[in-house]
Protein backbone atom coordinates (compact mmCIF):
# COMPACT_ATOMS: atom_id res chain seq x y z
CA MET A 1 0.00 0.00 0.00
CA LEU A 2 2.73 2.47 0.83
CA THR A 3 4.32 2.00 -2.58
CA LEU A 4 1.08 2.93 -4.34
CA GLN A 5 0.66 5.93 -2.06
CA ARG A 6 4.21 7.08 -2.82
CA TRP A 7 3.67 6.60 -6.54
CA ASP A 8 0.47 8.63 -6.32
CA ASN A 9 2.21 11.43 -4.42
CA LYS A 10 5.12 11.46 -6.91
CA GLY A 11 2.78 11.34 -9.91
CA ILE A 12 4.14 8.00 -11.14
CA LEU A 13 0.75 6.29 -11.01
CA LYS A 14 -1.95 8.82 -10.17
CA ALA A 15 -4.89 7.41 -8.27
CA HIS A 16 -8.51 8.27 -8.79
CA ARG A 17 -10.38 9.11 -5.59
CA THR A 18 -13.73 8.01 -4.25
CA PRO A 19 -16.03 10.52 -2.51
CA THR A 20 -14.58 9.23 0.78
CA ASN A 21 -11.05 9.98 -0.52
CA ARG A 22 -9.97 6.37 -1.01
CA ARG A 23 -7.54 5.71 -3.84
CA TYR A 24 -8.43 3.42 -6.72
CA TYR A 25 -6.87 2.55 -10.05
CA THR A 26 -8.48 1.49 -13.29
CA GLU A 27 -7.44 -1.50 -15.36
CA GLU A 28 -6.53 0.94 -18.14
CA GLN A 29 -4.10 2.71 -15.79
CA TYR A 30 -2.54 -0.60 -14.82
CA LEU A 31 -2.11 -1.70 -18.44
CA GLN A 32 -0.61 1.65 -19.35
CA TYR A 33 1.80 1.44 -16.41
CA ILE A 34 3.07 -2.03 -17.37
CA GLY A 35 3.41 -0.94 -20.99
CA MET A 36 0.49 -2.78 -22.53
CA SER A 37 -2.32 -1.22 -24.48
CA GLU A 38 -5.92 -2.35 -24.30
CA ASN A 39 -5.89 -3.73 -27.83
CA VAL A 40 -3.31 -6.30 -26.70
CA GLN A 41 -6.04 -7.84 -24.59
CA ASP A 42 -8.19 -8.24 -27.69
CA ARG A 43 -5.75 -10.81 -29.03
CA LYS A 44 -6.77 -14.42 -29.15
CA THR A 45 -4.94 -17.04 -27.14
CA VAL A 46 -3.71 -19.83 -29.34
CA ALA A 47 -2.43 -23.12 -28.03
CA TYR A 48 -0.04 -25.51 -29.72
CA ALA A 49 0.12 -29.15 -28.73
CA ARG A 50 2.40 -31.84 -30.04
CA VAL A 51 2.49 -35.56 -29.47
CA SER A 52 5.52 -37.74 -29.94
CA THR A 53 3.72 -40.69 -31.47
CA TYR A 54 0.43 -41.36 -33.23
CA GLY A 55 -0.57 -43.53 -30.27
CA GLN A 56 -0.62 -40.46 -28.00
CA LYS A 57 -3.09 -38.59 -30.21
CA ASP A 58 -6.06 -39.53 -28.00
CA ASP A 59 -4.28 -38.00 -24.98
CA LEU A 60 -4.76 -34.49 -26.35
């Protein structure tokens, strides 16, 4: 928690505030901070599987 508070105070990762003055961060802020854009999340996950022998095909 203290790290996020320091980052907010230094302007590294500015927090939004609730009406009760609690800090919160959006997913967009997080993605921007780690260097990812939102369109990266729109990518499809593709898996690759390989079997050593034809007999293992049913194990997939």
